[in-house]
Amino acid sequence: MGIHSDVVGLRASKISSFMVAASPNEPRVIDSKTSPTQDAVQRGLKMAIIAGSVVAVPTLVGCRVIPWAKANLNYTAQALSISTAAISAFFITADKTILKHARGNTIGKYDKSS
């Protein structure tokens, strides 16, 4: 009883033939210094820093000057508003960057005129 060696060899050959490159640009992407994911993270971090800085200044100034904000927005609310802007900027930019790279991999693949 058991699994015959012929069946095991057949299964191994099917698995190895199943693994193919994800796109025609795969060797170029592997050889490049940054992958699309690393590029997306870098751009997302840059935008998160910019968005956090842009939102932090009016939030902190407004909470010191505007009477309603001074009375109703504590430090946690200020931190949440700033971090919300930074996090959303990170994810929106990273998503757009990844989609841009994905579009670049599929241009011409499904084009009927080519």
PDB file of N, CA and C in Angstrom:
ATOM      1  N   MET A   1       0.831  -1.174   0.000  1.00  0.00           N
ATOM      2  CA  MET A   1       0.000   0.000   0.000  1.00  0.00           C
ATOM      3  C   MET A   1       0.873   1.232   0.000  1.00  0.00           C
ATOM      4  N   GLY A   2       0.302   2.308  -0.461  1.00  0.00           N
ATOM      5  CA  GLY A   2       1.052   3.545  -0.515  1.00  0.00           C
ATOM      6  C   GLY A   2       0.883   4.198  -1.869  1.00  0.00           C
ATOM      7  N   ILE A   3       1.632   5.230  -2.070  1.00  0.00           N
ATOM      8  CA  ILE A   3       1.560   5.958  -3.327  1.00  0.00           C
ATOM      9  C   ILE A   3       2.721   5.510  -4.192  1.00  0.00           C
ATOM     10  N   HIS A   4       2.407   5.110  -5.420  1.00  0.00           N
ATOM     11  CA  HIS A   4       3.446   4.666  -6.339  1.00  0.00           C
ATOM     12  C   HIS A   4       4.331   5.845  -6.735  1.00  0.00           C
ATOM     13  N   SER A   5       5.547   5.555  -7.035  1.00  0.00           N
ATOM     14  CA  SER A   5       6.489   6.607  -7.421  1.00  0.00           C
ATOM     15  C   SER A   5       6.091   7.258  -8.739  1.00  0.00           C
ATOM     16  N   ASP A   6       5.386   6.522  -9.612  1.00  0.00           N
ATOM     17  CA  ASP A   6       4.934   7.118 -10.875  1.00  0.00           C
ATOM     18  C   ASP A   6       3.946   8.258 -10.624  1.00  0.00           C
ATOM     19  N   VAL A   7       3.039   8.066  -9.681  1.00  0.00           N
ATOM     20  CA  VAL A   7       2.037   9.078  -9.377  1.00  0.00           C
ATOM     21  C   VAL A   7       2.696  10.302  -8.753  1.00  0.00           C
ATOM     22  N   VAL A   8       3.664  10.083  -7.875  1.00  0.00           N
ATOM     23  CA  VAL A   8       4.359  11.200  -7.235  1.00  0.00           C
ATOM     24  C   VAL A   8       5.112  12.012  -8.279  1.00  0.00           C
ATOM     25  N   GLY A   9       5.781  11.355  -9.216  1.00  0.00           N
ATOM     26  CA  GLY A   9       6.502  12.057 -10.263  1.00  0.00           C
ATOM     27  C   GLY A   9       5.574  12.833 -11.176  1.00  0.00           C
ATOM     28  N   LEU A  10       4.402  12.266 -11.454  1.00  0.00           N
ATOM     29  CA  LEU A  10       3.429  12.952 -12.296  1.00  0.00           C
ATOM     30  C   LEU A  10       2.929  14.215 -11.610  1.00  0.00           C
ATOM     31  N   ARG A  11       2.648  14.102 -10.328  1.00  0.00           N
ATOM     32  CA  ARG A  11       2.147  15.260  -9.577  1.00  0.00           C
ATOM     33  C   ARG A  11       3.212  16.360  -9.496  1.00  0.00           C
ATOM     34  N   ALA A  12       4.463  15.998  -9.296  1.00  0.00           N
ATOM     35  CA  ALA A  12       5.540  16.985  -9.213  1.00  0.00           C
ATOM     36  C   ALA A  12       5.728  17.708 -10.542  1.00  0.00           C
ATOM     37  N   SER A  13       5.584  16.985 -11.654  1.00  0.00           N
ATOM     38  CA  SER A  13       5.752  17.647 -12.958  1.00  0.00           C
ATOM     39  C   SER A  13       4.612  18.627 -13.225  1.00  0.00           C
ATOM     40  N   LYS A  14       3.390  18.315 -12.762  1.00  0.00           N
ATOM     41  CA  LYS A  14       2.280  19.244 -12.939  1.00  0.00           C
ATOM     42  C   LYS A  14       2.482  20.507 -12.117  1.00  0.00           C
ATOM     43  N   ILE A  15       2.998  20.372 -10.923  1.00  0.00           N
ATOM     44  CA  ILE A  15       3.220  21.538 -10.068  1.00  0.00           C
ATOM     45  C   ILE A  15       4.287  22.442 -10.657  1.00  0.00           C
ATOM     46  N   SER A  16       5.378  21.891 -11.154  1.00  0.00           N
ATOM     47  CA  SER A  16       6.440  22.728 -11.697  1.00  0.00           C
ATOM     48  C   SER A  16       6.014  23.436 -12.981  1.00  0.00           C
ATOM     49  N   SER A  17       5.136  22.790 -13.786  1.00  0.00           N
ATOM     50  CA  SER A  17       4.686  23.450 -15.005  1.00  0.00           C
ATOM     51  C   SER A  17       3.633  24.512 -14.706  1.00  0.00           C
ATOM     52  N   PHE A  18       3.007  24.430 -13.539  1.00  0.00           N
ATOM     53  CA  PHE A  18       1.989  25.408 -13.154  1.00  0.00           C
ATOM     54  C   PHE A  18       2.602  26.755 -12.817  1.00  0.00           C
ATOM     55  N   MET A  19       3.803  26.770 -12.295  1.00  0.00           N
ATOM     56  CA  MET A  19       4.435  28.011 -11.868  1.00  0.00           C
ATOM     57  C   MET A  19       5.059  28.709 -13.067  1.00  0.00           C
ATOM     58  N   VAL A  20       4.457  29.818 -13.458  1.00  0.00           N
ATOM     59  CA  VAL A  20       4.954  30.607 -14.573  1.00  0.00           C
ATOM     60  C   VAL A  20       5.172  32.030 -14.102  1.00  0.00           C
ATOM     61  N   ALA A  21       5.864  32.801 -14.904  1.00  0.00           N
ATOM     62  CA  ALA A  21       6.104  34.200 -14.552  1.00  0.00           C
ATOM     63  C   ALA A  21       4.785  34.964 -14.532  1.00  0.00           C
ATOM     64  N   ALA A  22       4.673  35.919 -13.622  1.00  0.00           N
ATOM     65  CA  ALA A  22       3.430  36.672 -13.465  1.00  0.00           C
ATOM     66  C   ALA A  22       3.179  37.604 -14.649  1.00  0.00           C
ATOM     67  N   SER A  23       4.216  38.131 -15.228  1.00  0.00           N
ATOM     68  CA  SER A  23       4.043  39.049 -16.344  1.00  0.00           C
ATOM     69  C   SER A  23       5.279  38.987 -17.229  1.00  0.00           C
ATOM     70  N   PRO A  24       5.191  39.524 -18.434  1.00  0.00           N
ATOM     71  CA  PRO A  24       6.375  39.537 -19.289  1.00  0.00           C
ATOM     72  C   PRO A  24       7.481  40.431 -18.739  1.00  0.00           C
ATOM     73  N   ASN A  25       7.123  41.359 -17.858  1.00  0.00           N
ATOM     74  CA  ASN A  25       8.117  42.260 -17.278  1.00  0.00           C
ATOM     75  C   ASN A  25       8.744  41.703 -16.003  1.00  0.00           C
ATOM     76  N   GLU A  26       8.410  40.471 -15.639  1.00  0.00           N
ATOM     77  CA  GLU A  26       8.887  39.894 -14.381  1.00  0.00           C
ATOM     78  C   GLU A  26      10.413  39.908 -14.253  1.00  0.00           C
ATOM     79  N   PRO A  27      11.192  39.475 -15.251  1.00  0.00           N
ATOM     80  CA  PRO A  27      12.654  39.519 -15.091  1.00  0.00           C
ATOM     81  C   PRO A  27      13.183  40.945 -14.888  1.00  0.00           C
ATOM     82  N   ARG A  28      12.586  41.907 -15.587  1.00  0.00           N
ATOM     83  CA  ARG A  28      13.012  43.301 -15.436  1.00  0.00           C
ATOM     84  C   ARG A  28      12.703  43.802 -14.029  1.00  0.00           C
ATOM     85  N   VAL A  29      11.548  43.434 -13.501  1.00  0.00           N
ATOM     86  CA  VAL A  29      11.160  43.873 -12.165  1.00  0.00           C
ATOM     87  C   VAL A  29      12.059  43.234 -11.113  1.00  0.00           C
ATOM     88  N   ILE A  30      12.381  41.967 -11.293  1.00  0.00           N
ATOM     89  CA  ILE A  30      13.244  41.276 -10.326  1.00  0.00           C
ATOM     90  C   ILE A  30      14.643  41.875 -10.341  1.00  0.00           C
ATOM     91  N   ASP A  31      15.135  42.233 -11.530  1.00  0.00           N
ATOM     92  CA  ASP A  31      16.475  42.794 -11.634  1.00  0.00           C
ATOM     93  C   ASP A  31      16.559  44.256 -11.208  1.00  0.00           C
ATOM     94  N   SER A  32      15.427  44.946 -11.171  1.00  0.00           N
ATOM     95  CA  SER A  32      15.458  46.361 -10.807  1.00  0.00           C
ATOM     96  C   SER A  32      15.737  46.520  -9.316  1.00  0.00           C
ATOM     97  N   LYS A  33      16.135  47.720  -8.936  1.00  0.00           N
ATOM     98  CA  LYS A  33      16.506  47.978  -7.549  1.00  0.00           C
ATOM     99  C   LYS A  33      15.286  48.012  -6.633  1.00  0.00           C
ATOM    100  N   THR A  34      14.170  48.537  -7.116  1.00  0.00           N
ATOM    101  CA  THR A  34      12.969  48.606  -6.293  1.00  0.00           C
ATOM    102  C   THR A  34      11.826  47.890  -6.987  1.00  0.00           C
ATOM    103  N   SER A  35      11.065  47.155  -6.227  1.00  0.00           N
ATOM    104  CA  SER A  35       9.893  46.487  -6.777  1.00  0.00           C
ATOM    105  C   SER A  35       8.712  47.452  -6.746  1.00  0.00           C
ATOM    106  N   PRO A  36       7.636  47.125  -7.428  1.00  0.00           N
ATOM    107  CA  PRO A  36       6.460  48.002  -7.380  1.00  0.00           C
ATOM    108  C   PRO A  36       5.929  48.196  -5.955  1.00  0.00           C
ATOM    109  N   THR A  37       6.032  47.173  -5.137  1.00  0.00           N
ATOM    110  CA  THR A  37       5.561  47.295  -3.760  1.00  0.00           C
ATOM    111  C   THR A  37       6.433  48.271  -2.976  1.00  0.00           C
ATOM    112  N   GLN A  38       7.741  48.166  -3.139  1.00  0.00           N
ATOM    113  CA  GLN A  38       8.640  49.092  -2.444  1.00  0.00           C
ATOM    114  C   GLN A  38       8.421  50.518  -2.936  1.00  0.00           C
ATOM    115  N   ASP A  39       8.201  50.659  -4.227  1.00  0.00           N
ATOM    116  CA  ASP A  39       7.937  51.980  -4.790  1.00  0.00           C
ATOM    117  C   ASP A  39       6.650  52.557  -4.206  1.00  0.00           C
ATOM    118  N   ALA A  40       5.625  51.719  -4.079  1.00  0.00           N
ATOM    119  CA  ALA A  40       4.352  52.175  -3.513  1.00  0.00           C
ATOM    120  C   ALA A  40       4.511  52.594  -2.052  1.00  0.00           C
ATOM    121  N   VAL A  41       5.284  51.843  -1.293  1.00  0.00           N
ATOM    122  CA  VAL A  41       5.496  52.182   0.121  1.00  0.00           C
ATOM    123  C   VAL A  41       6.273  53.490   0.239  1.00  0.00           C
ATOM    124  N   GLN A  42       7.290  53.664  -0.585  1.00  0.00           N
ATOM    125  CA  GLN A  42       8.080  54.897  -0.527  1.00  0.00           C
ATOM    126  C   GLN A  42       7.228  56.116  -0.879  1.00  0.00           C
ATOM    127  N   ARG A  43       6.456  56.013  -1.955  1.00  0.00           N
ATOM    128  CA  ARG A  43       5.603  57.143  -2.344  1.00  0.00           C
ATOM    129  C   ARG A  43       4.521  57.400  -1.296  1.00  0.00           C
ATOM    130  N   GLY A  44       3.976  56.319  -0.727  1.00  0.00           N
ATOM    131  CA  GLY A  44       2.960  56.467   0.302  1.00  0.00           C
ATOM    132  C   GLY A  44       3.493  57.154   1.545  1.00  0.00           C
ATOM    133  N   LEU A  45       4.716  56.787   1.946  1.00  0.00           N
ATOM    134  CA  LEU A  45       5.318  57.431   3.118  1.00  0.00           C
ATOM    135  C   LEU A  45       5.568  58.919   2.871  1.00  0.00           C
ATOM    136  N   LYS A  46       6.043  59.247   1.689  1.00  0.00           N
ATOM    137  CA  LYS A  46       6.267  60.660   1.364  1.00  0.00           C
ATOM    138  C   LYS A  46       4.963  61.452   1.445  1.00  0.00           C
ATOM    139  N   MET A  47       3.907  60.900   0.862  1.00  0.00           N
ATOM    140  CA  MET A  47       2.633  61.602   0.888  1.00  0.00           C
ATOM    141  C   MET A  47       2.041  61.654   2.290  1.00  0.00           C
ATOM    142  N   ALA A  48       2.271  60.621   3.103  1.00  0.00           N
ATOM    143  CA  ALA A  48       1.770  60.637   4.477  1.00  0.00           C
ATOM    144  C   ALA A  48       2.453  61.725   5.288  1.00  0.00           C
ATOM    145  N   ILE A  49       3.741  61.905   5.080  1.00  0.00           N
ATOM    146  CA  ILE A  49       4.475  62.959   5.787  1.00  0.00           C
ATOM    147  C   ILE A  49       3.967  64.333   5.362  1.00  0.00           C
ATOM    148  N   ILE A  50       3.778  64.507   4.066  1.00  0.00           N
ATOM    149  CA  ILE A  50       3.290  65.800   3.561  1.00  0.00           C
ATOM    150  C   ILE A  50       1.876  66.077   4.072  1.00  0.00           C
ATOM    151  N   ALA A  51       0.999  65.089   3.970  1.00  0.00           N
ATOM    152  CA  ALA A  51      -0.390  65.292   4.396  1.00  0.00           C
ATOM    153  C   ALA A  51      -0.473  65.517   5.905  1.00  0.00           C
ATOM    154  N   GLY A  52       0.320  64.776   6.670  1.00  0.00           N
ATOM    155  CA  GLY A  52       0.324  64.988   8.120  1.00  0.00           C
ATOM    156  C   GLY A  52       0.790  66.373   8.496  1.00  0.00           C
ATOM    157  N   SER A  53       1.790  66.855   7.794  1.00  0.00           N
ATOM    158  CA  SER A  53       2.295  68.202   8.069  1.00  0.00           C
ATOM    159  C   SER A  53       1.284  69.279   7.670  1.00  0.00           C
ATOM    160  N   VAL A  54       0.654  69.078   6.526  1.00  0.00           N
ATOM    161  CA  VAL A  54      -0.315  70.067   6.046  1.00  0.00           C
ATOM    162  C   VAL A  54      -1.529  70.135   6.968  1.00  0.00           C
ATOM    163  N   VAL A  55      -1.957  69.016   7.497  1.00  0.00           N
ATOM    164  CA  VAL A  55      -3.135  68.995   8.363  1.00  0.00           C
ATOM    165  C   VAL A  55      -2.786  69.394   9.800  1.00  0.00           C
ATOM    166  N   ALA A  56      -1.575  69.108  10.230  1.00  0.00           N
ATOM    167  CA  ALA A  56      -1.203  69.367  11.622  1.00  0.00           C
ATOM    168  C   ALA A  56      -1.202  70.854  11.961  1.00  0.00           C
ATOM    169  N   VAL A  57      -0.692  71.671  11.077  1.00  0.00           N
ATOM    170  CA  VAL A  57      -0.571  73.104  11.379  1.00  0.00           C
ATOM    171  C   VAL A  57      -1.931  73.750  11.623  1.00  0.00           C
ATOM    172  N   PRO A  58      -2.906  73.638  10.704  1.00  0.00           N
ATOM    173  CA  PRO A  58      -4.189  74.277  10.995  1.00  0.00           C
ATOM    174  C   PRO A  58      -4.938  73.635  12.163  1.00  0.00           C
ATOM    175  N   THR A  59      -4.753  72.340  12.354  1.00  0.00           N
ATOM    176  CA  THR A  59      -5.429  71.674  13.476  1.00  0.00           C
ATOM    177  C   THR A  59      -4.912  72.196  14.800  1.00  0.00           C
ATOM    178  N   LEU A  60      -3.619  72.245  14.947  1.00  0.00           N
ATOM    179  CA  LEU A  60      -3.038  72.698  16.218  1.00  0.00           C
ATOM    180  C   LEU A  60      -3.286  74.194  16.444  1.00  0.00           C
ATOM    181  N   VAL A  61      -3.186  74.986  15.408  1.00  0.00           N
ATOM    182  CA  VAL A  61      -3.445  76.423  15.550  1.00  0.00           C
ATOM    183  C   VAL A  61      -4.923  76.662  15.851  1.00  0.00           C
ATOM    184  N   GLY A  62      -5.794  75.945  15.159  1.00  0.00           N
ATOM    185  CA  GLY A  62      -7.221  76.113  15.383  1.00  0.00           C
ATOM    186  C   GLY A  62      -7.650  75.723  16.785  1.00  0.00           C
ATOM    187  N   CYS A  63      -7.018  74.700  17.336  1.00  0.00           N
ATOM    188  CA  CYS A  63      -7.368  74.272  18.692  1.00  0.00           C
ATOM    189  C   CYS A  63      -6.836  75.234  19.747  1.00  0.00           C
ATOM    190  N   ARG A  64      -5.951  76.102  19.394  1.00  0.00           N
ATOM    191  CA  ARG A  64      -5.452  77.101  20.350  1.00  0.00           C
ATOM    192  C   ARG A  64      -6.189  78.426  20.209  1.00  0.00           C
ATOM    193  N   VAL A  65      -6.759  78.714  19.028  1.00  0.00           N
ATOM    194  CA  VAL A  65      -7.330  80.029  18.743  1.00  0.00           C
ATOM    195  C   VAL A  65      -8.865  80.008  18.757  1.00  0.00           C
ATOM    196  N   ILE A  66      -9.472  79.035  18.113  1.00  0.00           N
ATOM    197  CA  ILE A  66     -10.931  78.982  17.979  1.00  0.00           C
ATOM    198  C   ILE A  66     -11.540  78.497  19.298  1.00  0.00           C
ATOM    199  N   PRO A  67     -12.446  79.244  19.881  1.00  0.00           N
ATOM    200  CA  PRO A  67     -13.007  78.862  21.186  1.00  0.00           C
ATOM    201  C   PRO A  67     -13.740  77.514  21.178  1.00  0.00           C
ATOM    202  N   TRP A  68     -14.524  77.235  20.130  1.00  0.00           N
ATOM    203  CA  TRP A  68     -15.235  75.957  20.082  1.00  0.00           C
ATOM    204  C   TRP A  68     -14.250  74.791  20.044  1.00  0.00           C
ATOM    205  N   ALA A  69     -13.215  74.885  19.187  1.00  0.00           N
ATOM    206  CA  ALA A  69     -12.224  73.818  19.080  1.00  0.00           C
ATOM    207  C   ALA A  69     -11.439  73.672  20.373  1.00  0.00           C
ATOM    208  N   LYS A  70     -11.157  74.782  21.013  1.00  0.00           N
ATOM    209  CA  LYS A  70     -10.425  74.752  22.282  1.00  0.00           C
ATOM    210  C   LYS A  70     -11.232  74.009  23.346  1.00  0.00           C
ATOM    211  N   ALA A  71     -12.542  74.197  23.350  1.00  0.00           N
ATOM    212  CA  ALA A  71     -13.390  73.571  24.367  1.00  0.00           C
ATOM    213  C   ALA A  71     -13.717  72.113  24.048  1.00  0.00           C
ATOM    214  N   ASN A  72     -13.806  71.749  22.765  1.00  0.00           N
ATOM    215  CA  ASN A  72     -14.322  70.429  22.405  1.00  0.00           C
ATOM    216  C   ASN A  72     -13.307  69.439  21.851  1.00  0.00           C
ATOM    217  N   LEU A  73     -12.167  69.891  21.377  1.00  0.00           N
ATOM    218  CA  LEU A  73     -11.190  68.972  20.789  1.00  0.00           C
ATOM    219  C   LEU A  73      -9.997  68.801  21.727  1.00  0.00           C
ATOM    220  N   ASN A  74      -9.959  67.646  22.382  1.00  0.00           N
ATOM    221  CA  ASN A  74      -8.824  67.381  23.266  1.00  0.00           C
ATOM    222  C   ASN A  74      -7.637  66.864  22.435  1.00  0.00           C
ATOM    223  N   TYR A  75      -6.574  66.476  23.113  1.00  0.00           N
ATOM    224  CA  TYR A  75      -5.362  66.042  22.419  1.00  0.00           C
ATOM    225  C   TYR A  75      -5.596  64.784  21.583  1.00  0.00           C
ATOM    226  N   THR A  76      -6.462  63.900  22.071  1.00  0.00           N
ATOM    227  CA  THR A  76      -6.751  62.681  21.315  1.00  0.00           C
ATOM    228  C   THR A  76      -7.458  63.017  20.011  1.00  0.00           C
ATOM    229  N   ALA A  77      -8.413  63.915  20.043  1.00  0.00           N
ATOM    230  CA  ALA A  77      -9.123  64.307  18.822  1.00  0.00           C
ATOM    231  C   ALA A  77      -8.186  64.975  17.829  1.00  0.00           C
ATOM    232  N   GLN A  78      -7.280  65.766  18.316  1.00  0.00           N
ATOM    233  CA  GLN A  78      -6.308  66.410  17.428  1.00  0.00           C
ATOM    234  C   GLN A  78      -5.413  65.364  16.770  1.00  0.00           C
ATOM    235  N   ALA A  79      -4.932  64.418  17.576  1.00  0.00           N
ATOM    236  CA  ALA A  79      -4.069  63.365  17.037  1.00  0.00           C
ATOM    237  C   ALA A  79      -4.817  62.494  16.039  1.00  0.00           C
ATOM    238  N   LEU A  80      -6.082  62.211  16.319  1.00  0.00           N
ATOM    239  CA  LEU A  80      -6.861  61.396  15.391  1.00  0.00           C
ATOM    240  C   LEU A  80      -7.091  62.104  14.060  1.00  0.00           C
ATOM    241  N   SER A  81      -7.355  63.379  14.084  1.00  0.00           N
ATOM    242  CA  SER A  81      -7.579  64.086  12.820  1.00  0.00           C
ATOM    243  C   SER A  81      -6.302  64.147  11.987  1.00  0.00           C
ATOM    244  N   ILE A  82      -5.181  64.353  12.637  1.00  0.00           N
ATOM    245  CA  ILE A  82      -3.911  64.406  11.905  1.00  0.00           C
ATOM    246  C   ILE A  82      -3.541  63.028  11.362  1.00  0.00           C
ATOM    247  N   SER A  83      -3.674  61.998  12.195  1.00  0.00           N
ATOM    248  CA  SER A  83      -3.294  60.652  11.753  1.00  0.00           C
ATOM    249  C   SER A  83      -4.251  60.120  10.689  1.00  0.00           C
ATOM    250  N   THR A  84      -5.506  60.512  10.742  1.00  0.00           N
ATOM    251  CA  THR A  84      -6.455  60.083   9.710  1.00  0.00           C
ATOM    252  C   THR A  84      -6.042  60.605   8.342  1.00  0.00           C
ATOM    253  N   ALA A  85      -5.637  61.846   8.286  1.00  0.00           N
ATOM    254  CA  ALA A  85      -5.197  62.426   7.014  1.00  0.00           C
ATOM    255  C   ALA A  85      -3.928  61.734   6.516  1.00  0.00           C
ATOM    256  N   ALA A  86      -2.997  61.476   7.421  1.00  0.00           N
ATOM    257  CA  ALA A  86      -1.739  60.843   7.016  1.00  0.00           C
ATOM    258  C   ALA A  86      -1.967  59.409   6.541  1.00  0.00           C
ATOM    259  N   ILE A  87      -2.788  58.660   7.267  1.00  0.00           N
ATOM    260  CA  ILE A  87      -3.031  57.264   6.900  1.00  0.00           C
ATOM    261  C   ILE A  87      -3.787  57.172   5.581  1.00  0.00           C
ATOM    262  N   SER A  88      -4.785  58.022   5.398  1.00  0.00           N
ATOM    263  CA  SER A  88      -5.527  57.970   4.143  1.00  0.00           C
ATOM    264  C   SER A  88      -4.644  58.373   2.962  1.00  0.00           C
ATOM    265  N   ALA A  89      -3.775  59.348   3.149  1.00  0.00           N
ATOM    266  CA  ALA A  89      -2.857  59.737   2.071  1.00  0.00           C
ATOM    267  C   ALA A  89      -1.917  58.588   1.728  1.00  0.00           C
ATOM    268  N   PHE A  90      -1.431  57.869   2.749  1.00  0.00           N
ATOM    269  CA  PHE A  90      -0.544  56.732   2.496  1.00  0.00           C
ATOM    270  C   PHE A  90      -1.248  55.678   1.664  1.00  0.00           C
ATOM    271  N   PHE A  91      -2.437  55.252   2.079  1.00  0.00           N
ATOM    272  CA  PHE A  91      -3.111  54.163   1.390  1.00  0.00           C
ATOM    273  C   PHE A  91      -3.599  54.557   0.004  1.00  0.00           C
ATOM    274  N   ILE A  92      -4.068  55.769  -0.162  1.00  0.00           N
ATOM    275  CA  ILE A  92      -4.517  56.205  -1.483  1.00  0.00           C
ATOM    276  C   ILE A  92      -3.341  56.254  -2.456  1.00  0.00           C
ATOM    277  N   THR A  93      -2.216  56.809  -2.013  1.00  0.00           N
ATOM    278  CA  THR A  93      -1.046  56.901  -2.889  1.00  0.00           C
ATOM    279  C   THR A  93      -0.472  55.525  -3.193  1.00  0.00           C
ATOM    280  N   ALA A  94      -0.379  54.663  -2.189  1.00  0.00           N
ATOM    281  CA  ALA A  94       0.150  53.316  -2.419  1.00  0.00           C
ATOM    282  C   ALA A  94      -0.746  52.535  -3.369  1.00  0.00           C
ATOM    283  N   ASP A  95      -2.048  52.661  -3.205  1.00  0.00           N
ATOM    284  CA  ASP A  95      -2.986  51.962  -4.075  1.00  0.00           C
ATOM    285  C   ASP A  95      -2.867  52.451  -5.513  1.00  0.00           C
ATOM    286  N   LYS A  96      -2.796  53.754  -5.695  1.00  0.00           N
ATOM    287  CA  LYS A  96      -2.661  54.303  -7.048  1.00  0.00           C
ATOM    288  C   LYS A  96      -1.352  53.863  -7.695  1.00  0.00           C
ATOM    289  N   THR A  97      -0.283  53.795  -6.918  1.00  0.00           N
ATOM    290  CA  THR A  97       1.011  53.383  -7.460  1.00  0.00           C
ATOM    291  C   THR A  97       0.987  51.918  -7.881  1.00  0.00           C
ATOM    292  N   ILE A  98       0.401  51.072  -7.060  1.00  0.00           N
ATOM    293  CA  ILE A  98       0.327  49.649  -7.403  1.00  0.00           C
ATOM    294  C   ILE A  98      -0.545  49.444  -8.634  1.00  0.00           C
ATOM    295  N   LEU A  99      -1.662  50.165  -8.715  1.00  0.00           N
ATOM    296  CA  LEU A  99      -2.523  50.047  -9.888  1.00  0.00           C
ATOM    297  C   LEU A  99      -1.834  50.565 -11.149  1.00  0.00           C
ATOM    298  N   LYS A 100      -1.013  51.599 -11.015  1.00  0.00           N
ATOM    299  CA  LYS A 100      -0.265  52.116 -12.168  1.00  0.00           C
ATOM    300  C   LYS A 100       0.706  51.055 -12.687  1.00  0.00           C
ATOM    301  N   HIS A 101       1.391  50.375 -11.775  1.00  0.00           N
ATOM    302  CA  HIS A 101       2.312  49.313 -12.189  1.00  0.00           C
ATOM    303  C   HIS A 101       1.549  48.131 -12.794  1.00  0.00           C
ATOM    304  N   ALA A 102       0.393  47.810 -12.246  1.00  0.00           N
ATOM    305  CA  ALA A 102      -0.402  46.706 -12.783  1.00  0.00           C
ATOM    306  C   ALA A 102      -0.900  47.030 -14.188  1.00  0.00           C
ATOM    307  N   ARG A 103      -1.326  48.274 -14.402  1.00  0.00           N
ATOM    308  CA  ARG A 103      -1.748  48.682 -15.743  1.00  0.00           C
ATOM    309  C   ARG A 103      -0.584  48.599 -16.722  1.00  0.00           C
ATOM    310  N   GLY A 104       0.600  48.954 -16.255  1.00  0.00           N
ATOM    311  CA  GLY A 104       1.768  48.879 -17.122  1.00  0.00           C
ATOM    312  C   GLY A 104       2.100  47.463 -17.540  1.00  0.00           C
ATOM    313  N   ASN A 105       1.765  46.491 -16.688  1.00  0.00           N
ATOM    314  CA  ASN A 105       2.029  45.095 -17.024  1.00  0.00           C
ATOM    315  C   ASN A 105       1.002  44.526 -17.992  1.00  0.00           C
ATOM    316  N   THR A 106      -0.184  45.114 -18.056  1.00  0.00           N
ATOM    317  CA  THR A 106      -1.234  44.554 -18.902  1.00  0.00           C
ATOM    318  C   THR A 106      -1.466  45.342 -20.186  1.00  0.00           C
ATOM    319  N   ILE A 107      -0.780  46.442 -20.396  1.00  0.00           N
ATOM    320  CA  ILE A 107      -0.963  47.222 -21.626  1.00  0.00           C
ATOM    321  C   ILE A 107      -0.562  46.360 -22.814  1.00  0.00           C
ATOM    322  N   GLY A 108      -1.445  46.227 -23.787  1.00  0.00           N
ATOM    323  CA  GLY A 108      -1.159  45.448 -24.983  1.00  0.00           C
ATOM    324  C   GLY A 108      -1.546  44.001 -24.868  1.00  0.00           C
ATOM    325  N   LYS A 109      -1.727  43.481 -23.668  1.00  0.00           N
ATOM    326  CA  LYS A 109      -2.088  42.080 -23.508  1.00  0.00           C
ATOM    327  C   LYS A 109      -3.501  41.816 -23.992  1.00  0.00           C
ATOM    328  N   TYR A 110      -4.413  42.677 -23.609  1.00  0.00           N
ATOM    329  CA  TYR A 110      -5.818  42.470 -23.921  1.00  0.00           C
ATOM    330  C   TYR A 110      -6.322  43.491 -24.939  1.00  0.00           C
ATOM    331  N   ASP A 111      -5.417  44.144 -25.619  1.00  0.00           N
ATOM    332  CA  ASP A 111      -5.783  45.135 -26.618  1.00  0.00           C
ATOM    333  C   ASP A 111      -6.126  44.416 -27.924  1.00  0.00           C
ATOM    334  N   LYS A 112      -7.340  44.603 -28.426  1.00  0.00           N
ATOM    335  CA  LYS A 112      -7.794  43.902 -29.643  1.00  0.00           C
ATOM    336  C   LYS A 112      -7.126  44.431 -30.905  1.00  0.00           C
ATOM    337  N   SER A 113      -6.721  45.706 -30.911  1.00  0.00           N
ATOM    338  CA  SER A 113      -6.155  46.286 -32.123  1.00  0.00           C
ATOM    339  C   SER A 113      -4.702  45.874 -32.356  1.00  0.00           C
ATOM    340  N   SER A 114      -4.011  45.396 -31.342  1.00  0.00           N
ATOM    341  CA  SER A 114      -2.601  45.032 -31.493  1.00  0.00           C
ATOM    342  C   SER A 114      -2.438  43.686 -32.130  1.00  0.00           C
TER     343      SER A 114
END
